[in-house]
Protein backbone atom coordinates (compact mmCIF):
# COMPACT_ATOMS: atom_id res chain seq x y z
CA MET A 1 -108.97 -51.10 -80.57
CA LYS A 2 -111.81 -49.53 -78.01
CA LEU A 3 -114.97 -49.44 -79.83
CA ALA A 4 -117.66 -47.09 -78.40
CA LEU A 5 -121.37 -47.68 -78.89
CA ALA A 6 -123.50 -44.69 -78.92
CA GLN A 7 -127.39 -45.33 -77.70
CA LEU A 8 -128.52 -42.25 -78.39
CA ASN A 9 -132.18 -40.95 -78.65
CA PRO A 10 -132.78 -38.92 -81.39
CA THR A 11 -135.96 -36.69 -82.80
CA VAL A 12 -137.38 -37.80 -86.37
CA GLY A 13 -136.23 -35.13 -88.94
CA ALA A 14 -134.49 -33.22 -86.36
CA LEU A 15 -131.36 -33.41 -87.84
CA ARG A 16 -129.74 -30.17 -86.55
CA TYR A 17 -130.99 -31.83 -82.67
CA ASN A 18 -129.47 -34.77 -83.93
CA THR A 19 -126.52 -33.95 -85.73
CA GLY A 20 -125.35 -32.14 -82.15
CA LYS A 21 -126.39 -35.30 -80.05
CA ILE A 22 -124.13 -37.25 -82.99
CA ALA A 23 -121.20 -34.73 -82.31
CA CYS A 24 -121.32 -34.75 -78.68
CA PHE A 25 -121.30 -38.41 -78.21
CA TYR A 26 -118.75 -38.64 -81.09
CA ARG A 27 -116.15 -36.28 -79.19
CA GLU A 28 -116.68 -38.18 -76.05
CA ALA A 29 -115.72 -40.90 -77.68
CA ALA A 30 -112.81 -40.02 -79.00
CA ALA A 31 -111.66 -38.40 -75.55
CA LYS A 32 -111.43 -41.70 -74.01
CA GLY A 33 -109.91 -43.48 -76.82
CA ALA A 34 -111.95 -45.17 -78.70
CA ARG A 35 -110.91 -45.66 -81.57
CA LEU A 36 -114.59 -46.38 -83.28
CA ALA A 37 -117.82 -44.83 -82.47
CA VAL A 38 -120.65 -46.85 -84.01
CA PHE A 39 -124.21 -44.73 -84.26
CA PRO A 40 -128.08 -46.44 -84.39
CA GLU A 41 -129.62 -46.67 -87.74
CA LEU A 42 -130.44 -43.77 -89.71
CA ALA A 43 -129.68 -42.21 -86.58
CA VAL A 44 -128.83 -38.93 -88.63
CA THR A 45 -132.52 -38.68 -89.22
CA GLY A 46 -134.46 -40.69 -86.78
CA TYR A 47 -136.17 -43.55 -86.70
CA PRO A 48 -138.82 -43.88 -88.40
CA PRO A 49 -138.51 -40.83 -91.02
CA GLN A 50 -141.16 -42.39 -92.97
CA ASP A 51 -142.73 -39.99 -95.37
CA LEU A 52 -139.91 -37.59 -95.13
CA LEU A 53 -137.31 -39.67 -97.24
CA LEU A 54 -140.02 -38.60 -100.36
CA TYR A 55 -138.63 -35.26 -100.08
CA ARG A 56 -135.60 -34.91 -102.07
CA GLY A 57 -135.01 -32.06 -100.04
CA PHE A 58 -134.82 -33.75 -97.01
CA ILE A 59 -132.20 -36.53 -98.66
CA GLU A 60 -130.33 -33.35 -100.30
CA SER A 61 -129.71 -31.90 -96.35
CA VAL A 62 -129.03 -35.16 -95.10
CA GLU A 63 -126.12 -35.75 -97.22
CA LYS A 64 -124.95 -32.35 -96.74
CA ILE A 65 -125.09 -32.96 -93.16
CA VAL A 66 -122.65 -36.02 -93.51
CA ALA A 67 -120.12 -34.15 -96.02
CA ASP A 68 -119.89 -30.85 -94.54
CA GLU A 69 -120.31 -31.71 -90.63
CA LEU A 70 -120.03 -35.04 -89.12
CA ALA A 71 -117.36 -36.43 -92.34
CA PRO A 72 -114.74 -33.41 -91.03
CA LEU A 73 -115.11 -33.84 -86.97
CA THR A 74 -113.38 -37.89 -88.09
CA ALA A 75 -110.18 -35.16 -89.71
CA GLY A 76 -107.10 -35.46 -87.52
CA SER A 77 -108.81 -38.06 -85.29
CA ASP A 78 -108.07 -41.51 -84.69
CA THR A 79 -111.50 -42.42 -84.00
CA ALA A 80 -113.16 -43.32 -86.57
CA MET A 81 -117.47 -43.15 -87.07
CA LEU A 82 -120.09 -45.59 -88.33
CA VAL A 83 -123.17 -43.73 -88.54
CA GLY A 84 -126.37 -44.77 -89.97
CA ALA A 85 -128.36 -42.01 -92.46
CA PRO A 86 -130.41 -42.36 -95.73
CA TYR A 87 -128.22 -42.68 -98.55
CA ARG A 88 -127.79 -42.48 -102.54
CA VAL A 89 -125.41 -44.15 -104.68
CA ASP A 90 -126.50 -43.74 -108.34
CA ASN A 91 -129.48 -42.38 -107.91
CA ALA A 92 -130.81 -44.96 -105.73
CA LEU A 93 -131.81 -44.32 -102.06
CA TYR A 94 -130.69 -46.76 -99.91
CA ASN A 95 -130.54 -47.05 -95.59
CA THR A 96 -127.04 -47.27 -95.30
CA ALA A 97 -123.91 -47.38 -92.31
CA LEU A 98 -121.92 -44.75 -93.24
CA LEU A 99 -118.14 -45.18 -92.18
CA LEU A 100 -116.07 -42.03 -91.69
CA GLU A 101 -112.44 -41.86 -91.18
CA LYS A 102 -110.14 -38.95 -91.40
CA GLY A 103 -112.53 -36.04 -92.73
CA SER A 104 -114.21 -38.38 -95.47
CA ILE A 105 -116.72 -41.25 -96.16
CA LYS A 106 -114.36 -44.43 -96.17
CA SER A 107 -116.98 -46.80 -97.14
CA ALA A 108 -120.85 -46.87 -97.33
CA HIS A 109 -122.74 -50.12 -96.06
CA LEU A 110 -126.27 -51.02 -97.14
CA LYS A 111 -128.90 -52.60 -95.88
CA THR A 112 -129.77 -55.94 -97.52
CA LEU A 113 -133.00 -56.98 -95.88
CA LEU A 114 -135.67 -54.39 -96.03
CA PRO A 115 -138.84 -55.24 -93.69
CA ASN A 116 -142.15 -54.62 -95.04
CA TYR A 117 -144.45 -56.21 -91.98
CA ASP A 118 -145.97 -54.88 -88.87
CA VAL A 119 -145.01 -51.28 -88.38
CA PHE A 120 -141.99 -51.30 -90.83
CA ASP A 121 -142.39 -50.37 -94.49
CA GLU A 122 -139.16 -50.10 -95.83
CA ARG A 123 -139.34 -51.31 -99.17
CA ARG A 124 -141.51 -47.92 -99.62
CA TYR A 125 -138.58 -46.01 -99.74
CA PHE A 126 -134.97 -47.94 -99.97
CA THR A 127 -133.68 -49.94 -102.69
CA PRO A 128 -131.82 -53.58 -101.40
CA SER A 129 -128.65 -53.95 -101.35
CA PRO A 130 -127.29 -56.19 -104.06
CA GLY A 131 -124.15 -57.33 -102.23
CA SER A 132 -122.79 -57.82 -99.54
CA ARG A 133 -119.09 -56.58 -98.30
CA ILE A 134 -116.62 -56.58 -96.04
CA ASP A 135 -114.19 -53.68 -94.35
CA ILE A 136 -111.00 -54.02 -92.22
CA ILE A 137 -112.24 -51.79 -89.11
CA GLY A 138 -108.68 -51.54 -86.67
CA GLY A 139 -107.35 -54.58 -88.90
CA ILE A 140 -110.24 -57.08 -88.30
CA PRO A 141 -112.36 -58.45 -90.80
CA ALA A 142 -115.99 -56.93 -90.38
CA ALA A 143 -119.38 -57.27 -91.70
CA VAL A 144 -121.04 -53.85 -90.62
CA THR A 145 -124.60 -54.89 -90.91
CA VAL A 146 -127.95 -52.94 -90.00
CA CYS A 147 -130.86 -54.03 -88.40
CA GLU A 148 -132.83 -56.68 -89.95
CA ASP A 149 -129.91 -58.40 -92.04
CA ILE A 150 -129.09 -60.08 -88.67
CA TRP A 151 -132.55 -61.31 -88.58
CA ASN A 152 -133.33 -64.03 -90.94
CA ASP A 153 -131.28 -66.92 -89.77
CA ARG A 154 -132.32 -69.92 -91.45
CA ASP A 155 -131.03 -71.74 -88.03
CA PHE A 156 -132.55 -70.10 -85.60
CA PHE A 157 -135.68 -69.30 -87.30
CA ASP A 158 -138.51 -71.84 -88.51
CA ARG A 159 -139.45 -69.94 -91.23
CA PRO A 160 -136.92 -66.78 -92.72
CA ALA A 161 -138.76 -63.85 -94.20
CA TYR A 162 -136.43 -63.81 -96.96
CA ASP A 163 -134.56 -65.35 -99.77
CA ARG A 164 -131.12 -63.66 -98.52
CA ASP A 165 -129.41 -64.22 -95.67
CA PRO A 166 -126.51 -61.49 -95.15
CA LEU A 167 -124.31 -63.38 -92.59
CA GLU A 168 -124.15 -66.66 -94.58
CA GLU A 169 -122.75 -64.87 -97.84
CA LEU A 170 -119.83 -63.52 -95.27
CA SER A 171 -119.49 -66.72 -93.40
CA GLY A 172 -116.00 -68.08 -92.67
CA ARG A 173 -114.41 -64.18 -93.90
CA VAL A 174 -115.49 -62.57 -90.99
CA LYS A 175 -114.26 -61.73 -87.53
CA LEU A 176 -116.74 -59.31 -86.68
CA ILE A 177 -120.16 -58.15 -86.69
CA ILE A 178 -120.95 -55.01 -86.02
CA ASN A 179 -125.12 -54.18 -86.75
CA LEU A 180 -126.84 -51.31 -86.07
CA SER A 181 -130.54 -51.24 -84.96
CA ALA A 182 -133.23 -49.22 -84.97
CA SER A 183 -135.43 -52.05 -83.07
CA PRO A 184 -138.88 -50.84 -81.32
CA TYR A 185 -139.66 -52.45 -78.05
CA HIS A 186 -142.58 -55.24 -77.13
CA LEU A 187 -142.60 -57.18 -74.16
CA GLY A 188 -140.37 -60.26 -74.87
CA LYS A 189 -138.53 -58.15 -77.48
CA GLN A 190 -135.10 -57.99 -75.72
CA ALA A 191 -135.12 -61.59 -74.59
CA LEU A 192 -135.28 -62.84 -77.90
CA ARG A 193 -133.24 -60.36 -79.19
CA GLU A 194 -129.98 -61.56 -76.51
CA LYS A 195 -130.90 -64.89 -77.48
CA MET A 196 -131.10 -64.58 -81.42
CA ILE A 197 -127.27 -62.12 -81.14
CA GLY A 198 -125.64 -65.10 -78.82
CA PHE A 199 -126.97 -67.84 -81.18
CA LEU A 200 -124.74 -65.90 -84.02
CA ALA A 201 -121.94 -65.03 -82.24
CA ALA A 202 -120.69 -68.82 -81.92
CA LYS A 203 -122.94 -69.82 -85.23
CA TYR A 204 -119.96 -67.36 -86.69
CA LYS A 205 -117.23 -67.38 -83.98
CA ALA A 206 -117.12 -64.04 -84.32
CA GLY A 207 -117.68 -60.77 -81.30
CA LEU A 208 -120.80 -59.25 -82.34
CA VAL A 209 -121.59 -55.77 -81.33
CA TYR A 210 -125.11 -54.20 -81.48
CA VAL A 211 -126.21 -50.23 -81.04
CA ASN A 212 -130.13 -49.62 -80.67
CA GLN A 213 -131.72 -46.16 -81.04
CA VAL A 214 -133.87 -44.96 -77.42
CA GLY A 215 -136.51 -42.72 -77.50
CA GLY A 216 -139.90 -42.70 -78.03
CA ASN A 217 -140.65 -41.86 -81.52
CA ASP A 218 -144.90 -41.25 -82.12
CA GLU A 219 -145.97 -44.87 -81.35
CA LEU A 220 -142.81 -46.02 -81.23
CA ILE A 221 -140.47 -47.10 -78.06
CA PHE A 222 -137.42 -48.20 -78.26
CA ASP A 223 -135.05 -49.84 -75.81
CA GLY A 224 -131.87 -49.45 -76.89
CA ALA A 225 -130.30 -52.25 -74.38
CA SER A 226 -126.85 -52.15 -76.46
CA LEU A 227 -124.95 -55.38 -76.57
CA ALA A 228 -121.78 -56.73 -77.30
CA PHE A 229 -121.00 -60.94 -77.31
CA ASN A 230 -118.08 -62.74 -77.86
CA ASP A 231 -117.33 -64.83 -80.78
CA ARG A 232 -118.15 -67.45 -78.18
CA GLY A 233 -122.00 -66.45 -77.89
CA GLU A 234 -121.28 -65.35 -74.45
CA LEU A 235 -122.99 -61.78 -73.05
CA ILE A 236 -120.37 -59.72 -72.48
CA ARG A 237 -121.81 -56.24 -72.20
CA ARG A 238 -124.99 -54.94 -72.18
CA ALA A 239 -126.19 -51.02 -71.99
CA SER A 240 -128.97 -49.60 -69.83
CA SER A 241 -132.44 -50.47 -71.26
CA PHE A 242 -134.39 -46.73 -72.06
CA GLU A 243 -131.63 -44.40 -71.51
CA GLU A 244 -128.99 -42.84 -73.51
CA GLU A 245 -125.61 -44.05 -73.18
CA LEU A 246 -122.20 -44.62 -74.27
CA LEU A 247 -121.02 -47.98 -73.55
CA PHE A 248 -117.25 -48.57 -74.16
CA ILE A 249 -115.97 -52.69 -75.58
CA GLU A 250 -112.06 -53.88 -76.14
CA SER A 251 -112.22 -55.95 -79.29
CA GLU A 252 -109.93 -57.92 -77.32
CA ALA A 253 -113.17 -59.13 -74.88
CA LEU A 254 -114.60 -59.93 -78.33
CA PHE A 255 -112.57 -62.57 -79.07
CA SER A 256 -111.69 -64.31 -75.63
CA PRO A 257 -114.05 -66.17 -72.96
CA THR A 258 -115.30 -64.29 -70.42
CA ALA A 259 -114.92 -64.93 -66.39
CA ALA A 260 -118.63 -63.35 -65.66
CA PRO A 261 -121.02 -63.23 -68.41
CA ALA A 262 -123.56 -60.38 -68.24
CA PRO A 263 -126.28 -61.91 -65.89
CA PRO A 264 -129.81 -62.53 -67.23
CA LEU A 265 -132.14 -60.15 -68.03
CA GLY A 266 -134.96 -59.26 -65.96
CA GLU A 267 -137.89 -58.67 -68.37
CA GLY A 268 -141.46 -58.31 -67.09
CA ILE A 269 -144.23 -55.74 -66.01
CA GLY A 270 -141.03 -53.38 -65.15
CA SER A 271 -139.98 -53.04 -68.36
CA VAL A 272 -143.09 -52.07 -69.72
CA CYS A 273 -143.68 -49.30 -67.30
CA ARG A 274 -140.73 -47.94 -68.18
CA ALA A 275 -141.25 -47.98 -71.88
CA LEU A 276 -144.58 -45.95 -71.20
CA VAL A 277 -143.24 -43.91 -69.26
CA LEU A 278 -140.34 -43.00 -71.65
CA GLY A 279 -142.82 -43.04 -74.71
CA ILE A 280 -145.16 -40.15 -72.54
CA LYS A 281 -142.40 -38.64 -71.55
CA ASP A 282 -140.44 -38.29 -75.65
CA TYR A 283 -144.14 -37.77 -77.14
CA LEU A 284 -145.01 -34.38 -75.40
CA GLY A 285 -141.33 -33.48 -75.51
CA LYS A 286 -140.89 -33.65 -79.20
CA THR A 287 -144.64 -32.51 -80.47
CA GLY A 288 -143.59 -28.99 -77.88
CA PHE A 289 -145.88 -30.23 -74.70
CA ARG A 290 -144.70 -29.73 -70.86
CA LYS A 291 -147.91 -30.75 -69.58
CA ALA A 292 -150.63 -33.35 -69.68
CA VAL A 293 -153.89 -32.99 -68.61
CA LEU A 294 -156.80 -35.95 -68.24
CA GLY A 295 -160.00 -37.38 -66.73
CA LEU A 296 -159.93 -38.72 -63.41
CA SER A 297 -162.71 -41.60 -62.65
CA GLY A 298 -161.69 -43.53 -59.64
CA GLY A 299 -161.26 -46.32 -61.92
CA ILE A 300 -157.97 -48.29 -62.81
CA ASP A 301 -156.92 -47.10 -66.30
CA SER A 302 -157.12 -43.45 -65.24
CA ALA A 303 -155.27 -43.75 -62.21
CA VAL A 304 -152.58 -45.95 -63.76
CA THR A 305 -152.03 -43.18 -67.07
CA ALA A 306 -152.03 -40.49 -64.41
CA ALA A 307 -149.40 -42.54 -62.13
CA LEU A 308 -147.30 -43.20 -65.46
CA ALA A 309 -147.56 -39.60 -66.78
CA ALA A 310 -146.50 -38.24 -63.30
CA GLU A 311 -143.28 -40.06 -63.72
CA ALA A 312 -142.90 -38.86 -66.92
CA LEU A 313 -143.30 -35.37 -66.40
CA GLY A 314 -143.12 -34.76 -63.37
CA PRO A 315 -146.03 -34.86 -60.80
CA GLU A 316 -145.92 -30.62 -61.39
CA ASN A 317 -147.11 -30.90 -64.99
CA VAL A 318 -149.74 -33.23 -64.48
CA LEU A 319 -153.53 -32.20 -64.31
CA GLY A 320 -156.35 -34.46 -63.01
CA VAL A 321 -159.98 -33.21 -63.79
CA LEU A 322 -163.04 -35.37 -61.67
CA MET A 323 -166.10 -35.09 -63.79
CA PRO A 324 -169.11 -36.03 -61.73
CA SER A 325 -172.49 -36.97 -62.80
CA LEU A 326 -175.62 -37.96 -60.84
CA TYR A 327 -174.52 -41.68 -61.83
CA SER A 328 -170.87 -41.14 -60.45
CA SER A 329 -170.94 -43.00 -56.87
CA GLY A 330 -169.00 -41.34 -53.99
CA HIS A 331 -165.81 -43.72 -54.12
CA SER A 332 -165.17 -42.76 -57.60
CA VAL A 333 -164.89 -38.69 -56.34
CA GLU A 334 -162.67 -40.12 -53.25
CA ASP A 335 -160.43 -42.22 -55.18
CA ALA A 336 -160.07 -39.84 -57.91
CA ALA A 337 -158.72 -37.31 -55.38
CA ALA A 338 -156.78 -40.04 -52.77
CA LEU A 339 -155.12 -40.99 -56.20
CA ALA A 340 -154.09 -37.22 -57.08
CA ARG A 341 -152.92 -36.76 -53.14
CA ASN A 342 -150.82 -39.60 -53.48
CA LEU A 343 -149.06 -38.36 -56.91
CA GLY A 344 -148.67 -34.89 -55.73
CA ILE A 345 -150.32 -33.70 -58.76
CA ALA A 346 -153.32 -30.76 -59.43
CA HIS A 347 -156.56 -31.98 -59.79
CA ARG A 348 -159.92 -30.03 -60.47
CA ILE A 349 -163.60 -30.86 -59.52
CA ILE A 350 -166.14 -29.88 -62.54
CA PRO A 351 -169.20 -31.85 -61.73
CA ILE A 352 -171.20 -32.17 -65.58
CA GLU A 353 -174.62 -33.03 -64.05
CA ARG A 354 -175.69 -29.06 -65.78
CA PRO A 355 -174.85 -29.53 -69.12
CA PHE A 356 -175.93 -32.83 -68.99
CA ASN A 357 -179.30 -32.02 -68.10
CA ALA A 358 -179.42 -28.28 -70.37
CA PHE A 359 -178.75 -31.39 -73.03
CA LEU A 360 -181.35 -33.61 -71.71
CA GLU A 361 -184.10 -31.10 -72.03
CA LEU A 362 -182.49 -29.94 -75.22
CA PHE A 363 -182.56 -33.73 -77.21
CA ASN A 364 -186.26 -34.98 -74.99
CA PRO A 365 -188.82 -31.98 -75.82
CA ALA A 366 -191.34 -34.32 -75.46
CA GLY A 367 -190.54 -36.46 -71.86
CA ALA A 368 -187.88 -38.07 -69.83
CA PRO A 369 -184.70 -38.86 -70.24
CA ARG A 370 -184.37 -42.65 -71.83
CA GLN A 371 -181.18 -43.68 -70.30
CA ASP A 372 -180.13 -44.96 -73.73
CA LEU A 373 -176.74 -45.77 -75.11
CA ALA A 374 -176.60 -42.22 -76.63
CA GLU A 375 -177.15 -40.46 -73.13
CA GLU A 376 -174.59 -42.61 -71.80
CA ASN A 377 -172.28 -41.39 -75.11
CA LEU A 378 -173.73 -37.68 -73.73
CA GLN A 379 -171.55 -37.66 -71.03
CA ALA A 380 -168.73 -39.09 -72.39
CA ARG A 381 -168.28 -36.47 -75.00
CA ILE A 382 -169.17 -33.72 -72.60
CA ARG A 383 -166.02 -34.79 -70.27
CA GLY A 384 -164.38 -34.98 -73.49
CA ASN A 385 -164.94 -31.40 -74.18
CA ILE A 386 -164.03 -29.74 -71.00
CA LEU A 387 -160.87 -31.27 -71.73
CA MET A 388 -160.30 -29.89 -74.62
CA PHE A 389 -161.31 -26.90 -73.27
CA ILE A 390 -158.72 -26.97 -70.80
CA SER A 391 -156.00 -28.27 -73.04
CA ASN A 392 -156.76 -25.35 -75.88
CA ARG A 393 -157.03 -22.62 -73.23
CA GLU A 394 -154.33 -23.52 -71.15
CA GLY A 395 -151.51 -25.56 -73.00
CA TYR A 396 -152.10 -28.96 -71.61
CA LEU A 397 -151.73 -32.36 -73.68
CA ALA A 398 -154.76 -34.21 -72.73
CA LEU A 399 -154.33 -37.75 -72.27
CA THR A 400 -157.25 -40.38 -73.08
CA THR A 401 -157.48 -43.59 -70.77
CA GLY A 402 -159.21 -46.20 -72.34
CA ASN A 403 -157.06 -49.81 -72.36
CA LYS A 404 -156.54 -52.30 -75.46
CA SER A 405 -159.80 -54.60 -74.79
CA GLU A 406 -161.85 -51.51 -74.08
CA LEU A 407 -160.28 -50.32 -77.44
CA ALA A 408 -160.02 -53.43 -79.52
CA ALA A 409 -164.26 -54.40 -78.25
CA GLY A 410 -165.16 -50.44 -79.43
CA TYR A 411 -166.04 -50.17 -75.58
CA CYS A 412 -165.37 -46.60 -76.09
CA THR A 413 -166.92 -43.32 -77.44
CA LEU A 414 -165.56 -41.04 -80.08
CA TYR A 415 -165.33 -37.62 -79.21
CA GLY A 416 -165.74 -38.85 -75.79
CA ASP A 417 -163.35 -40.63 -74.11
CA MET A 418 -161.28 -41.33 -76.93
CA SER A 419 -160.44 -37.12 -76.84
CA GLY A 420 -156.80 -36.50 -76.78
CA GLY A 421 -153.52 -36.61 -78.15
CA LEU A 422 -151.87 -39.30 -77.09
CA ALA A 423 -153.87 -42.68 -76.47
CA VAL A 424 -150.91 -44.15 -73.41
CA LEU A 425 -153.02 -47.35 -72.67
CA ALA A 426 -154.20 -48.40 -76.16
CA ASP A 427 -151.77 -51.19 -76.60
CA VAL A 428 -152.15 -52.37 -72.79
CA PRO A 429 -154.72 -54.99 -72.29
CA LYS A 430 -157.24 -54.54 -69.16
CA VAL A 431 -155.33 -57.24 -66.94
CA MET A 432 -151.92 -55.75 -67.66
CA VAL A 433 -153.50 -52.73 -66.77
CA TYR A 434 -153.81 -54.18 -63.17
CA ASP A 435 -150.64 -55.64 -63.23
CA LEU A 436 -149.39 -51.98 -63.91
CA ALA A 437 -151.16 -50.63 -60.31
CA ARG A 438 -149.73 -53.14 -58.42
CA HIS A 439 -146.21 -52.48 -60.29
CA LEU A 440 -146.44 -49.14 -59.39
CA ASN A 441 -147.67 -49.73 -55.99
CA GLU A 442 -144.52 -51.64 -55.55
CA LYS A 443 -141.93 -49.96 -56.86
CA HIS A 444 -142.83 -46.72 -54.91
CA GLY A 445 -142.85 -49.04 -51.61
CA ARG A 446 -146.49 -47.27 -50.98
CA GLU A 447 -149.79 -46.96 -52.01
CA ILE A 448 -149.93 -44.93 -54.99
CA ILE A 449 -152.83 -46.10 -56.56
CA PRO A 450 -155.69 -46.26 -53.83
CA ALA A 451 -156.28 -49.96 -52.86
CA ARG A 452 -160.19 -49.71 -53.53
CA THR A 453 -159.41 -48.23 -57.25
CA LEU A 454 -157.68 -52.55 -57.63
CA THR A 455 -160.56 -54.14 -56.12
CA LYS A 456 -163.61 -52.46 -56.98
CA ALA A 457 -165.66 -53.68 -60.06
CA PRO A 458 -164.90 -51.92 -63.51
CA SER A 459 -167.34 -49.18 -64.39
CA ALA A 460 -168.24 -46.74 -66.68
CA GLU A 461 -171.04 -44.80 -64.32
CA LEU A 462 -173.22 -43.90 -67.47
CA ARG A 463 -176.29 -45.64 -66.14
CA PRO A 464 -177.52 -46.50 -62.55
CA GLY A 465 -174.59 -49.73 -61.86
CA GLN A 466 -173.58 -49.89 -64.79
CA LYS A 467 -170.84 -52.59 -64.66
CA ASP A 468 -168.39 -53.15 -67.68
CA GLU A 469 -169.42 -57.06 -67.42
CA ASP A 470 -172.49 -55.82 -68.49
CA SER A 471 -171.60 -55.36 -71.87
CA LEU A 472 -168.51 -57.42 -71.88
CA PRO A 473 -167.22 -61.20 -71.16
CA PRO A 474 -165.26 -60.80 -68.45
CA TYR A 475 -161.80 -59.07 -69.02
CA GLY A 476 -160.22 -62.61 -67.67
CA GLU A 477 -162.01 -64.74 -71.02
CA LEU A 478 -161.88 -61.48 -73.29
CA ASP A 479 -157.85 -60.69 -73.36
CA PRO A 480 -156.97 -64.22 -74.88
CA ILE A 481 -159.02 -64.59 -76.85
CA LEU A 482 -158.25 -60.68 -78.15
CA HIS A 483 -154.69 -61.73 -78.05
CA HIS A 484 -155.07 -64.59 -79.99
CA TYR A 485 -156.96 -62.75 -82.90
CA ILE A 486 -154.74 -59.36 -82.53
CA GLU A 487 -151.60 -60.93 -82.04
CA GLU A 488 -151.59 -63.96 -83.24
CA ASN A 489 -153.68 -63.52 -85.62
CA LEU A 490 -156.06 -66.77 -85.54
CA SER A 491 -159.19 -67.33 -86.95
CA PRO A 492 -162.68 -67.58 -85.04
CA ALA A 493 -162.11 -71.51 -85.84
CA GLU A 494 -158.79 -71.70 -84.61
CA MET A 495 -159.63 -70.36 -81.48
CA ILE A 496 -161.94 -72.34 -81.22
CA ASP A 497 -159.94 -75.37 -81.86
CA ARG A 498 -158.13 -74.22 -78.84
CA GLY A 499 -160.73 -74.83 -76.77
CA HIS A 500 -162.70 -71.32 -76.51
CA ASP A 501 -166.74 -71.11 -76.03
CA PRO A 502 -167.55 -70.72 -79.80
CA ALA A 503 -170.50 -68.19 -78.94
CA ARG A 504 -167.80 -65.77 -76.82
CA VAL A 505 -165.37 -66.12 -79.71
CA ARG A 506 -167.95 -65.29 -82.47
CA ARG A 507 -169.42 -62.46 -80.17
CA ILE A 508 -165.83 -60.82 -79.90
CA VAL A 509 -164.54 -60.81 -83.43
CA GLY A 510 -167.43 -59.31 -84.14
CA LEU A 511 -167.17 -56.68 -81.56
CA VAL A 512 -163.67 -55.81 -82.76
CA ASP A 513 -164.39 -55.89 -86.79
CA ARG A 514 -166.92 -53.77 -85.59
CA ALA A 515 -165.20 -51.19 -83.98
CA GLU A 516 -162.61 -50.51 -86.56
CA TYR A 517 -163.74 -46.84 -87.17
CA LYS A 518 -163.24 -46.28 -84.06
CA ARG A 519 -160.20 -47.22 -83.82
CA ARG A 520 -159.65 -45.53 -87.46
CA GLN A 521 -160.06 -42.54 -85.26
CA ALA A 522 -157.74 -42.42 -82.28
CA ALA A 523 -155.19 -40.87 -80.95
CA PRO A 524 -151.60 -42.56 -81.29
CA GLY A 525 -151.05 -45.05 -78.86
CA LEU A 526 -147.69 -46.08 -77.29
CA ARG A 527 -146.77 -50.04 -78.40
CA VAL A 528 -145.56 -52.67 -75.72
CA THR A 529 -146.80 -55.56 -77.57
CA THR A 530 -146.42 -57.60 -80.56
CA ARG A 531 -149.21 -56.15 -82.40
CA ALA A 532 -150.69 -52.37 -81.32
CA PHE A 533 -153.55 -51.07 -83.23
CA GLY A 534 -151.93 -48.12 -85.45
CA SER A 535 -149.53 -48.88 -88.71
CA GLY A 536 -148.48 -52.38 -87.82
CA ARG A 537 -152.48 -53.25 -87.90
CA ARG A 538 -154.42 -52.42 -90.89
CA MET A 539 -157.71 -53.32 -91.79
CA PRO A 540 -160.33 -52.24 -93.78
CA ILE A 541 -163.27 -50.51 -92.11
CA ALA A 542 -165.35 -51.14 -95.20
CA ARG A 543 -165.42 -55.01 -95.48
CA GLY A 544 -167.46 -58.09 -95.95
CA TYR A 545 -165.00 -60.62 -94.82
CA ASP A 546 -166.60 -62.39 -91.53
CA TYR A 547 -164.62 -65.64 -91.43
């Protein structure tokens, strides 16, 4: 039996568009002799559909599409379809893998384990399956599972998250495990996933095929990288990362040793770069934008954001705006202009000195400017207004350029540099931003990001001689503490026990906690680490707990 893994990029809620894409992949699979075409989790709706699932009309539309458009595709065909969709059974809604064959729904496989952590909130919408089942597919006893159903093995994970293990319930009775997934990317996820799936295939002595969604949906980026392992736990096929693909596997290969296992996955800063490029491209494309505008300061963050946007959208669709003030250094303007030339993007120079001076006169009627925080933030807000004016008048989406370290510590200005529709680097720590810059230069084989941008001390340039380290610890010391606190949920006491300076830990934790109100008003940020700001981290603004 030939299987086709249809790794596609759906748009959440775009039922007509997604159905057309599923039909296109299915016809190609059938034309090339596949007996089963497998699609990702909730492929009909896109993942995650969130509160769209609370609308009865939405669910009825999905069910009508499955019955009237997808199932009929299989009529008169030797190719069955296994597709993910929300589906009602006895008035309960399930996250379901539907097996469509000979024009009708042959069976419905209901998701058992409903994740309710980090960015997942499935218990809000779905009912868990009451039991696991086996289906005969192509004459092979198969367990059809949905995403989280394979992420609870007690022998692989030290502390399983759920009381049930769907695979354990079927142990010894299946020869093939099929998993429909919408598994979002973070750095390290691909390697973990491959290790776990290979372990499961060897443990259950079953071939295991895994098909994953690809594409960006709001803050989440799905990497694809669908997989096929034989019953010895050897990786025999891997689909592309961050691209749509129809991957074919002969079932015989799932039950015999392979002479040439797939090579190890190369996962590093390059995968982060590809994820962000895809995230930008899909966020704009799926929200109806074609072009982006951003401020160019001559600094590392705006340089990396511009380079990623140019790769995602094409340089002809990116506009950089240089907005120097009386505090901007000459090299900042030079470096920003050089970056624009290197990328081939359009750029404009709009000095902010005149509007800034007008505001200074307005707010200091009795004396000289104070050069205080209010005046520093005023410059950022003038720049934000300029970018939003261009966005409104000319149809650009404004990209913010702040990184995760700054956003965590509150080193950012509401309605200023935080103004925009997408925060590209909101989950990229400052040290990683430099890694991305070097990678981009190496990738292109030439200087895209000017050398001086990589070597000069970071500065917001909002007052004479200002440096980031005037307000923050050095990023090499800041980022590890932020990682412990945000991604590992360590308390200050636990971080101090790991050898971090007590005063520095308490200061950084205080900065993070006090800045929560800013992050609540920030643009959506693309997720590339294990814990991003956004739906995966929900902290109260008004709080009294101080450790």
